[in-house]
Amino acid sequence: MKKNGQLNLIPPIELRQTDTIFDALKNIEGKHWMIVTVVDDQGCLVGVASPGDLRRAILQGHPVSTTLKRVMNDEPILIEEEQLKKTEDVNQVLEDMKAAYGDIYFRYAMAPVVRKDKKVVGLINLDSLTVYVSKDQEPMATNHRTVLIVGGGGYIGSTLARVLLNDGWSVRVLDKFIYYGDSLKGIDNNRFELMEGDAANIDDIVRAVDGVDAVVYLAELVGDPACAEAPQAALKTNYLAVTSMAHLCSHLNINRFVYMSSCSVYGASENPDEFLTEESALNPVSLYARIKSLVEESILSVCNLPNPLFAPTILRLATVFGPSYRPRFDLVVNIFAKNAYQNKKIEVHGGGNQWRPNVHVKDVAGAINAVLNAPIDDVRAQTFNVGGDAQNHTINDLAELTKQVFPATEIIRNSDLIDPRNYRVSFEKLERVVGFKAKHSVVEALQEFKELFENKSTEDLDSLHFSNVRALQALKYS
């Protein structure tokens, strides 16, 4: 046999038939690619269980106290140690695995290697075995992970999907595309799956979570005006749907669950000169922010239910800005850029001295990816502000920065319209715990917009598809 390299076996996780689903899930927590080997009293292999096997058993009604004997795969594909010496035997194993798992996923699968007496020697990744057999074969990523992005066709999700694919994740998107249907076009990757559906539909979300290792929840009516336009829909989508998804993930032990909250939960700060942290008091002043704070509390309360493995993470986003595959021109920096280019004037409301934290959409995607990759115990039941300290700006600052990039811009001040939100935010915790620091500035985004506008990359800047509230009005959404 020609060998391309050293064959390294992975130490097995061995459990008994009397151990439970919960025992197995606890042992493989955070190891998306791992399987549990189930052995008898003599230490001989009698079955295996993967995370997918265990979650399907739960979905079929088995409690986590169910013994592995009842839910394990008792006829697994395995490799006898002697087979590793014969090319034809290894190739047959590979063909069996391909038939069982399909062309895309079989190389990520794990198989036990056993002696003649069925004692487990170790586990082998099928990609490693393929490389071992063929001197011409290049190794693939062996840590296969699948993430579901609920609302993955939106402003943040369409950028996030591409970031996660580039990082080696398999990505499934659930979205009903109420705003814009072209945001995911151009993704050509066999690790990408698009599932059109509604996050508020139980059948759709049960179908969507099958086989995933993590969930990122983005499917909401975003922004104060959008929620004020359709308050009942906001309650259904922003509260009931997300809390249902969190409970479903907890039940199925899909333990990595990332929820996008907002720094708007801080509302009107009593001392705008103070940098607010995750421990600061919340003071939401809009329906959107009030629902966000309710959802945060509800999701974290799921950790107190009988699944101590559930690991939700709350990300409070600063005001997002920057170009995306689903454009939005109803966010302050993006509005200023569009109006400065198109009308050569921008309007500042309420005096302009109100502070706002800001974050580039690319940094939001980077932060989510960093949280998904962080040790699970570091992010379990944690809340993080997402943004950059240097991107805390007053509205007047944002107007002046816009004028720097679009010099012909006239700044019009309108003190009649008052916005009570006024706060600055610290993002130190995210960098300290997760190691992520925002990189992109407001000026950088304004320059990106200027280039896009001048190149006519976005033709109709006034399209209702690029404004959440205008799209909802046109749809008569409720």
Protein backbone atom coordinates (compact mmCIF):
# COMPACT_ATOMS: atom_id res chain seq x y z
CA MET A 1 0.00 0.00 0.00
CA LYS A 2 1.25 3.49 -0.86
CA LYS A 3 1.01 5.78 2.11
CA ASN A 4 0.85 9.56 1.92
CA GLY A 5 1.66 10.10 5.56
CA GLN A 6 1.41 8.91 9.13
CA LEU A 7 -1.95 7.47 10.11
CA ASN A 8 -3.01 9.05 13.39
CA LEU A 9 -5.88 7.48 15.29
CA ILE A 10 -8.05 9.59 17.57
CA PRO A 11 -8.57 8.27 21.10
CA PRO A 12 -12.16 7.01 21.42
CA ILE A 13 -14.83 8.16 23.84
CA GLU A 14 -16.03 4.86 25.28
CA LEU A 15 -19.36 4.59 27.08
CA ARG A 16 -21.48 1.62 28.19
CA GLN A 17 -24.90 0.62 26.94
CA THR A 18 -26.37 1.72 30.26
CA ASP A 19 -25.02 5.26 29.86
CA THR A 20 -27.51 7.83 28.62
CA ILE A 21 -28.04 10.23 25.75
CA PHE A 22 -27.11 13.04 28.13
CA ASP A 23 -23.84 11.29 29.07
CA ALA A 24 -22.94 10.99 25.40
CA LEU A 25 -23.81 14.59 24.54
CA LYS A 26 -21.80 15.85 27.50
CA ASN A 27 -18.74 13.90 26.40
CA ILE A 28 -18.84 15.12 22.80
CA GLU A 29 -19.80 18.73 23.59
CA GLY A 30 -17.99 21.10 21.26
CA LYS A 31 -16.58 18.26 19.14
CA HIS A 32 -18.90 18.41 16.13
CA TRP A 33 -17.06 15.66 14.30
CA MET A 34 -16.85 13.16 17.18
CA ILE A 35 -18.74 9.94 17.80
CA VAL A 36 -19.20 7.89 20.95
CA THR A 37 -18.21 4.23 20.90
CA VAL A 38 -20.48 2.00 22.97
CA VAL A 39 -18.80 -1.07 24.47
CA ASP A 40 -19.93 -4.05 26.53
CA ASP A 41 -18.57 -5.16 29.90
CA GLN A 42 -15.57 -6.74 28.17
CA GLY A 43 -14.76 -3.47 26.36
CA CYS A 44 -15.86 -4.81 22.95
CA LEU A 45 -17.62 -2.54 20.49
CA VAL A 46 -21.39 -3.00 20.27
CA GLY A 47 -22.40 0.29 18.63
CA VAL A 48 -21.71 3.96 18.00
CA ALA A 49 -23.65 7.19 18.42
CA SER A 50 -23.07 10.48 16.62
CA PRO A 51 -24.49 13.86 17.64
CA GLY A 52 -26.97 13.53 14.78
CA ASP A 53 -28.09 10.09 15.98
CA LEU A 54 -28.68 11.43 19.48
CA ARG A 55 -30.60 14.51 18.37
CA ARG A 56 -32.82 12.49 16.07
CA ALA A 57 -33.60 10.18 18.98
CA ILE A 58 -34.63 13.18 21.11
CA LEU A 59 -36.78 14.53 18.26
CA GLN A 60 -38.49 11.13 18.12
CA GLY A 61 -39.49 11.51 21.76
CA HIS A 62 -36.66 9.89 23.70
CA PRO A 63 -35.73 11.79 26.89
CA VAL A 64 -32.05 12.46 27.50
CA SER A 65 -32.17 9.84 30.25
CA THR A 66 -32.65 7.13 27.59
CA THR A 67 -29.87 4.55 27.58
CA LEU A 68 -27.54 4.32 24.61
CA LYS A 69 -28.54 0.69 24.11
CA ARG A 70 -31.92 1.92 22.83
CA VAL A 71 -30.70 4.61 20.44
CA MET A 72 -27.19 3.64 19.29
CA ASN A 73 -26.33 2.44 15.79
CA ASP A 74 -25.64 -1.23 16.48
CA GLU A 75 -24.48 -1.97 12.93
CA PRO A 76 -21.86 0.73 12.34
CA ILE A 77 -19.35 0.78 9.54
CA LEU A 78 -16.03 -0.08 11.16
CA ILE A 79 -12.47 -0.87 10.18
CA GLU A 80 -10.54 -3.85 11.41
CA GLU A 81 -6.96 -3.07 12.22
CA GLU A 82 -5.73 -5.62 9.69
CA GLN A 83 -7.66 -3.90 6.91
CA LEU A 84 -5.40 -0.88 7.18
CA LYS A 85 -2.67 -3.00 5.62
CA LYS A 86 -4.59 -3.67 2.41
CA THR A 87 -5.48 -1.02 -0.14
CA GLU A 88 -8.48 -2.92 -1.49
CA ASP A 89 -9.95 -3.31 2.00
CA VAL A 90 -9.55 0.38 2.79
CA ASN A 91 -11.08 1.36 -0.54
CA GLN A 92 -14.08 -0.86 0.21
CA VAL A 93 -14.55 0.88 3.56
CA LEU A 94 -14.41 4.24 1.81
CA GLU A 95 -17.05 3.13 -0.70
CA ASP A 96 -19.30 1.92 2.11
CA MET A 97 -18.93 5.25 3.90
CA LYS A 98 -19.64 7.19 0.72
CA ALA A 99 -22.82 5.18 0.18
CA ALA A 100 -23.89 5.83 3.78
CA TYR A 101 -23.08 9.53 4.01
CA GLY A 102 -23.01 10.87 0.45
CA ASP A 103 -20.19 12.37 -1.58
CA ILE A 104 -19.96 15.62 0.38
CA TYR A 105 -20.09 14.44 3.99
CA PHE A 106 -18.55 10.98 4.01
CA ARG A 107 -14.99 12.28 4.29
CA TYR A 108 -15.87 14.11 7.49
CA ALA A 109 -17.32 10.97 9.08
CA MET A 110 -15.62 9.07 11.87
CA ALA A 111 -15.25 5.31 11.99
CA PRO A 112 -13.97 3.06 14.79
CA VAL A 113 -10.86 0.95 14.22
CA VAL A 114 -11.09 -2.38 16.07
CA ARG A 115 -8.99 -5.44 16.72
CA LYS A 116 -10.28 -8.93 15.86
CA ASP A 117 -11.80 -9.17 19.34
CA LYS A 118 -13.74 -5.94 18.65
CA LYS A 119 -11.77 -3.93 21.20
CA VAL A 120 -11.57 -0.33 19.96
CA VAL A 121 -8.08 0.82 18.99
CA GLY A 122 -9.13 4.35 18.06
CA LEU A 123 -11.21 6.44 15.68
CA ILE A 124 -10.25 7.54 12.21
CA ASN A 125 -11.56 10.39 10.12
CA LEU A 126 -12.38 9.19 6.61
CA ASP A 127 -10.56 12.15 5.08
CA SER A 128 -7.41 11.09 6.93
CA LEU A 129 -7.87 7.56 5.66
CA THR A 130 -8.32 8.79 2.07
CA VAL A 131 -5.11 10.80 2.31
CA TYR A 132 -3.33 7.81 3.87
CA VAL A 133 -4.25 5.58 0.92
CA SER A 134 -3.62 8.01 -1.93
CA LYS A 135 -0.36 9.84 -2.28
CA ASP A 136 -2.03 12.32 -4.65
CA GLN A 137 -4.92 13.22 -2.37
CA GLU A 138 -4.85 16.54 -0.56
CA PRO A 139 -6.36 16.61 2.96
CA MET A 140 -9.62 18.43 3.60
CA ALA A 141 -10.78 20.15 6.76
CA THR A 142 -11.52 17.41 9.27
CA ASN A 143 -13.50 19.47 11.76
CA HIS A 144 -16.79 19.51 9.88
CA ARG A 145 -19.41 21.86 11.32
CA THR A 146 -22.86 22.89 10.16
CA VAL A 147 -24.49 26.15 11.17
CA LEU A 148 -28.06 27.28 10.57
CA ILE A 149 -28.47 31.01 9.96
CA VAL A 150 -32.10 31.92 10.57
CA GLY A 151 -32.65 35.03 8.48
CA GLY A 152 -29.45 34.40 6.54
CA GLY A 153 -30.63 36.31 3.48
CA GLY A 154 -30.72 39.66 5.25
CA TYR A 155 -28.34 42.57 5.73
CA ILE A 156 -26.10 40.78 8.23
CA GLY A 157 -26.87 37.18 7.27
CA SER A 158 -25.86 37.47 3.62
CA THR A 159 -22.40 38.68 4.71
CA LEU A 160 -22.18 36.16 7.55
CA ALA A 161 -22.99 33.19 5.29
CA ARG A 162 -19.98 33.95 3.11
CA VAL A 163 -17.67 34.50 6.11
CA LEU A 164 -18.63 31.16 7.67
CA LEU A 165 -18.26 29.28 4.39
CA ASN A 166 -14.77 30.75 4.01
CA ASP A 167 -13.96 29.53 7.52
CA GLY A 168 -14.90 25.95 6.67
CA TRP A 169 -18.44 25.78 8.04
CA SER A 170 -21.28 24.17 6.15
CA VAL A 171 -24.04 26.77 6.06
CA ARG A 172 -27.79 26.32 5.91
CA VAL A 173 -29.96 29.42 5.56
CA LEU A 174 -33.62 29.64 6.54
CA ASP A 175 -35.25 32.80 5.18
CA LYS A 176 -38.54 33.85 3.60
CA PHE A 177 -37.00 36.89 1.84
CA ILE A 178 -39.63 39.50 2.63
CA TYR A 179 -37.22 42.32 1.73
CA TYR A 180 -34.83 41.26 -1.01
CA GLY A 181 -34.34 37.98 -2.85
CA ASP A 182 -30.94 38.34 -4.52
CA SER A 183 -28.62 38.55 -1.51
CA LEU A 184 -27.35 34.96 -1.68
CA LYS A 185 -26.99 34.71 -5.43
CA GLY A 186 -23.47 33.90 -6.56
CA ILE A 187 -22.67 31.54 -3.70
CA ASP A 188 -21.27 28.48 -5.43
CA ASN A 189 -20.32 26.08 -2.67
CA ASN A 190 -21.43 22.50 -2.05
CA ARG A 191 -21.42 23.27 1.67
CA PHE A 192 -24.22 25.83 1.23
CA GLU A 193 -27.93 25.01 1.47
CA LEU A 194 -30.82 27.44 1.07
CA MET A 195 -34.12 26.58 2.73
CA GLU A 196 -36.93 29.02 2.07
CA GLY A 197 -39.28 29.10 5.03
CA ASP A 198 -40.66 31.05 7.96
CA ALA A 199 -38.95 31.17 11.36
CA ALA A 200 -42.41 31.55 12.91
CA ASN A 201 -43.55 28.24 11.39
CA ILE A 202 -42.89 25.26 13.68
CA ASP A 203 -42.67 22.79 10.80
CA ASP A 204 -40.07 24.95 9.06
CA ILE A 205 -37.81 25.34 12.09
CA VAL A 206 -37.94 21.65 13.02
CA ARG A 207 -36.94 20.83 9.45
CA ALA A 208 -34.22 23.48 9.44
CA VAL A 209 -32.39 22.34 12.60
CA ASP A 210 -31.97 18.73 11.46
CA GLY A 211 -28.28 17.89 11.42
CA VAL A 212 -26.92 21.28 12.48
CA ASP A 213 -24.35 21.95 15.20
CA ALA A 214 -25.07 25.63 15.83
CA VAL A 215 -27.79 28.22 15.23
CA VAL A 216 -27.42 31.95 14.61
CA TYR A 217 -30.74 33.80 14.89
CA LEU A 218 -31.18 36.90 12.72
CA ALA A 219 -34.79 36.61 11.48
CA GLU A 220 -36.45 39.66 12.97
CA LEU A 221 -38.10 42.91 12.07
CA VAL A 222 -35.09 45.12 12.67
CA GLY A 223 -35.19 48.72 13.85
CA ASP A 224 -37.51 50.99 15.77
CA PRO A 225 -39.55 52.19 12.74
CA ALA A 226 -40.09 48.66 11.40
CA CYS A 227 -41.39 47.35 14.73
CA ALA A 228 -43.59 50.42 15.19
CA GLU A 229 -45.03 49.82 11.71
CA ALA A 230 -45.94 46.16 12.41
CA PRO A 231 -46.09 45.65 16.20
CA GLN A 232 -47.99 42.35 16.08
CA ALA A 233 -45.58 40.90 13.54
CA ALA A 234 -42.71 42.12 15.71
CA LEU A 235 -44.12 40.27 18.70
CA LYS A 236 -44.56 37.09 16.65
CA THR A 237 -41.20 37.16 14.86
CA ASN A 238 -38.97 38.99 17.33
CA TYR A 239 -40.23 37.32 20.49
CA LEU A 240 -42.31 34.17 20.01
CA ALA A 241 -40.35 32.72 17.07
CA VAL A 242 -36.89 33.23 18.55
CA THR A 243 -37.84 31.91 21.98
CA SER A 244 -39.42 28.85 20.36
CA MET A 245 -36.20 28.25 18.43
CA ALA A 246 -34.12 28.57 21.59
CA HIS A 247 -36.27 26.02 23.40
CA LEU A 248 -36.11 23.65 20.43
CA CYS A 249 -32.31 23.90 20.29
CA SER A 250 -32.05 23.30 24.04
CA HIS A 251 -34.32 20.26 23.73
CA LEU A 252 -32.26 18.83 20.87
CA ASN A 253 -28.92 19.72 22.49
CA ILE A 254 -27.93 22.07 19.69
CA ASN A 255 -26.05 23.94 22.34
CA ARG A 256 -24.36 26.76 20.42
CA PHE A 257 -27.11 29.34 19.95
CA VAL A 258 -26.18 32.92 19.06
CA TYR A 259 -28.84 35.61 19.30
CA MET A 260 -28.52 39.11 17.88
CA SER A 261 -29.69 41.68 20.39
CA SER A 262 -29.00 45.40 20.18
CA CYS A 263 -27.23 48.11 22.13
CA SER A 264 -30.53 49.97 21.84
CA VAL A 265 -31.56 48.11 25.01
CA TYR A 266 -29.43 50.70 26.86
CA GLY A 267 -31.73 53.43 25.54
CA ALA A 268 -31.35 56.86 27.09
CA SER A 269 -28.27 56.88 29.32
CA GLU A 270 -28.40 59.03 32.45
CA ASN A 271 -24.73 59.90 31.90
CA PRO A 272 -23.81 59.83 28.18
CA ASP A 273 -20.16 60.44 29.08
CA GLU A 274 -20.05 57.02 30.76
CA PHE A 275 -19.20 53.95 28.68
CA LEU A 276 -21.89 51.33 29.22
CA THR A 277 -20.92 47.71 29.76
CA GLU A 278 -22.83 44.46 29.67
CA GLU A 279 -23.54 44.96 33.39
CA SER A 280 -25.10 48.42 32.96
CA ALA A 281 -28.79 48.97 33.58
CA LEU A 282 -31.11 48.63 30.59
CA ASN A 283 -33.42 51.48 29.66
CA PRO A 284 -35.12 50.63 26.35
CA VAL A 285 -37.20 53.46 24.89
CA SER A 286 -38.82 51.72 21.89
CA LEU A 287 -40.89 48.61 21.22
CA TYR A 288 -37.97 47.12 19.28
CA ALA A 289 -35.59 47.57 22.22
CA ARG A 290 -38.15 46.41 24.78
CA ILE A 291 -38.71 43.16 22.88
CA LYS A 292 -34.94 42.68 22.61
CA SER A 293 -34.56 42.93 26.37
CA LEU A 294 -37.43 40.47 26.91
CA VAL A 295 -35.88 37.96 24.51
CA GLU A 296 -32.48 38.22 26.20
CA GLU A 297 -34.06 37.35 29.53
CA SER A 298 -36.10 34.53 28.02
CA ILE A 299 -33.17 32.90 26.21
CA LEU A 300 -30.89 33.03 29.23
CA SER A 301 -33.65 31.53 31.36
CA VAL A 302 -33.52 28.43 29.15
CA CYS A 303 -30.12 27.72 30.74
CA ASN A 304 -31.96 27.11 34.01
CA LEU A 305 -34.06 24.34 32.47
CA PRO A 306 -32.97 20.67 32.65
CA ASN A 307 -30.29 21.02 29.96
CA PRO A 308 -27.14 22.43 31.57
CA LEU A 309 -25.29 21.89 28.29
CA PHE A 310 -27.29 24.59 26.46
CA ALA A 311 -24.92 27.48 25.69
CA PRO A 312 -26.72 30.56 24.31
CA THR A 313 -24.76 33.72 23.61
CA ILE A 314 -26.32 37.18 23.41
CA LEU A 315 -24.65 39.71 21.10
CA ARG A 316 -25.74 43.32 21.58
CA LEU A 317 -24.94 44.98 18.29
CA ALA A 318 -24.03 48.62 17.93
CA THR A 319 -25.75 50.42 15.05
CA VAL A 320 -24.60 48.51 12.01
CA PHE A 321 -23.26 50.25 8.91
CA GLY A 322 -21.53 49.45 5.65
CA PRO A 323 -22.31 47.83 2.28
CA SER A 324 -23.82 44.36 2.23
CA TYR A 325 -25.20 41.86 -0.27
CA ARG A 326 -28.67 42.96 0.90
CA PRO A 327 -28.29 46.76 0.91
CA ARG A 328 -29.98 48.87 3.59
CA PHE A 329 -30.36 52.60 3.37
CA ASP A 330 -32.35 53.07 6.58
CA LEU A 331 -29.34 53.06 8.94
CA VAL A 332 -27.75 56.34 9.93
CA VAL A 333 -24.31 55.99 8.28
CA ASN A 334 -25.79 54.34 5.20
CA ILE A 335 -28.53 57.02 4.92
CA PHE A 336 -25.95 59.79 5.21
CA ALA A 337 -23.83 58.18 2.48
CA LYS A 338 -26.78 57.78 0.09
CA ASN A 339 -28.16 61.27 0.67
CA ALA A 340 -24.75 62.91 0.47
CA TYR A 341 -24.09 61.28 -2.90
CA GLN A 342 -27.59 61.56 -4.30
CA ASN A 343 -28.88 64.86 -2.90
CA LYS A 344 -25.68 66.52 -1.69
CA LYS A 345 -27.37 67.20 1.64
CA ILE A 346 -27.96 65.32 4.89
CA GLU A 347 -30.27 66.11 7.79
CA VAL A 348 -29.29 65.91 11.46
CA HIS A 349 -32.16 65.59 13.95
CA GLY A 350 -32.39 66.65 17.58
CA GLY A 351 -29.26 68.75 17.84
CA GLY A 352 -26.89 65.97 16.83
CA ASN A 353 -25.11 65.61 20.16
CA GLN A 354 -26.60 62.18 20.83
CA TRP A 355 -23.99 59.45 21.12
CA ARG A 356 -24.27 56.23 19.12
CA PRO A 357 -22.05 53.15 19.06
CA ASN A 358 -21.42 51.86 15.54
CA VAL A 359 -20.11 48.67 13.92
CA HIS A 360 -19.35 47.61 10.36
CA VAL A 361 -21.42 44.69 9.05
CA LYS A 362 -18.17 42.84 8.28
CA ASP A 363 -17.16 43.15 11.94
CA VAL A 364 -20.54 41.80 13.03
CA ALA A 365 -19.96 38.72 10.86
CA GLY A 366 -16.43 38.39 12.23
CA ALA A 367 -17.64 38.62 15.82
CA ILE A 368 -20.29 35.93 15.27
CA ASN A 369 -17.70 33.64 13.72
CA ALA A 370 -15.33 34.26 16.64
CA VAL A 371 -18.07 33.37 19.15
CA LEU A 372 -18.93 30.19 17.26
CA ASN A 373 -15.27 29.16 17.33
CA ALA A 374 -14.64 30.12 20.97
CA PRO A 375 -14.46 27.45 23.69
CA ILE A 376 -18.07 26.79 24.56
CA ASP A 377 -17.58 27.40 28.28
CA ASP A 378 -16.24 30.91 27.53
CA VAL A 379 -19.45 31.97 25.79
CA ARG A 380 -22.12 29.90 27.56
CA ALA A 381 -24.89 32.21 28.87
CA GLN A 382 -22.73 35.25 28.15
CA THR A 383 -23.71 38.67 26.80
CA PHE A 384 -21.28 40.69 24.67
CA ASN A 385 -21.48 44.18 23.22
CA VAL A 386 -20.35 44.08 19.56
CA GLY A 387 -18.67 47.14 18.09
CA GLY A 388 -15.53 49.20 18.50
CA ASP A 389 -14.72 51.77 21.17
CA ALA A 390 -13.32 54.10 18.51
CA GLN A 391 -16.62 53.92 16.61
CA ASN A 392 -18.64 55.65 19.34
CA HIS A 393 -19.69 58.86 17.57
CA THR A 394 -22.22 61.62 18.01
CA ILE A 395 -24.65 62.13 15.13
CA ASN A 396 -22.83 65.42 14.45
CA ASP A 397 -19.55 63.47 14.21
CA LEU A 398 -21.12 61.10 11.67
CA ALA A 399 -22.35 64.05 9.63
CA GLU A 400 -18.90 65.67 9.60
CA LEU A 401 -17.23 62.37 8.64
CA THR A 402 -19.71 62.06 5.78
CA LYS A 403 -18.82 65.55 4.60
CA GLN A 404 -15.13 64.60 4.62
CA VAL A 405 -15.80 61.78 2.13
CA PHE A 406 -18.50 63.67 0.17
CA PRO A 407 -17.15 67.27 0.34
CA ALA A 408 -20.08 68.85 -1.54
CA THR A 409 -22.50 67.80 1.22
CA GLU A 410 -24.65 70.40 3.00
CA ILE A 411 -25.50 69.54 6.61
CA ILE A 412 -29.03 70.63 7.58
CA ARG A 413 -29.91 70.64 11.27
CA ASN A 414 -33.48 69.97 12.38
CA SER A 415 -34.05 70.40 16.10
CA ASP A 416 -37.79 69.74 15.84
CA LEU A 417 -37.39 65.96 15.70
CA ILE A 418 -36.04 64.64 19.01
CA ASP A 419 -34.42 61.22 19.40
CA PRO A 420 -34.04 60.32 23.10
CA ARG A 421 -31.43 57.58 22.53
CA ASN A 422 -28.06 58.75 23.77
CA TYR A 423 -25.36 56.34 24.94
CA ARG A 424 -21.77 55.22 24.51
CA VAL A 425 -20.75 51.60 24.84
CA SER A 426 -17.65 49.66 25.87
CA PHE A 427 -16.65 46.63 23.79
CA GLU A 428 -13.76 45.51 25.99
CA LYS A 429 -15.40 42.26 27.13
CA LEU A 430 -15.65 40.78 23.63
CA GLU A 431 -11.96 41.36 23.02
CA ARG A 432 -10.94 40.09 26.45
CA VAL A 433 -13.02 36.92 26.49
CA VAL A 434 -13.32 35.97 22.82
CA GLY A 435 -10.28 37.76 21.40
CA PHE A 436 -12.23 39.69 18.77
CA LYS A 437 -11.67 43.39 18.05
CA ALA A 438 -13.55 45.41 15.43
CA LYS A 439 -11.34 46.55 12.54
CA HIS A 440 -13.48 48.69 10.23
CA SER A 441 -14.27 52.40 10.65
CA VAL A 442 -17.13 54.64 9.63
CA VAL A 443 -14.85 56.49 7.21
CA GLU A 444 -13.88 53.21 5.57
CA ALA A 445 -17.55 52.35 5.01
CA LEU A 446 -18.29 55.81 3.61
CA GLN A 447 -15.45 55.37 1.15
CA GLU A 448 -16.79 51.92 0.21
CA PHE A 449 -20.21 53.44 -0.45
CA LYS A 450 -18.72 56.24 -2.54
CA GLU A 451 -16.94 53.70 -4.74
CA LEU A 452 -20.10 51.60 -5.10
CA PHE A 453 -22.21 54.62 -6.02
CA GLU A 454 -19.70 55.94 -8.54
CA ASN A 455 -19.41 52.50 -10.15
CA LYS A 456 -23.20 52.17 -10.23
CA SER A 457 -22.92 48.88 -8.34
CA THR A 458 -26.28 49.60 -6.67
CA GLU A 459 -28.56 51.12 -9.27
CA ASP A 460 -31.76 52.18 -7.50
CA LEU A 461 -30.75 53.59 -4.14
CA ASP A 462 -34.37 54.51 -3.37
CA SER A 463 -35.73 51.00 -3.90
CA LEU A 464 -38.18 50.08 -1.14
CA HIS A 465 -36.32 46.75 -0.88
CA PHE A 466 -33.45 48.65 0.76
CA SER A 467 -35.61 50.10 3.57
CA ASN A 468 -37.17 47.78 6.14
CA VAL A 469 -40.05 50.07 7.08
CA ARG A 470 -40.93 51.04 3.49
CA ALA A 471 -40.90 47.40 2.43
CA LEU A 472 -43.22 46.48 5.30
CA GLN A 473 -45.57 49.33 4.39
CA ALA A 474 -45.72 48.15 0.79
CA LEU A 475 -46.41 44.59 1.89
CA LYS A 476 -49.01 45.74 4.46
CA TYR A 477 -47.15 43.44 6.80
CA SER A 478 -48.80 42.62 10.10
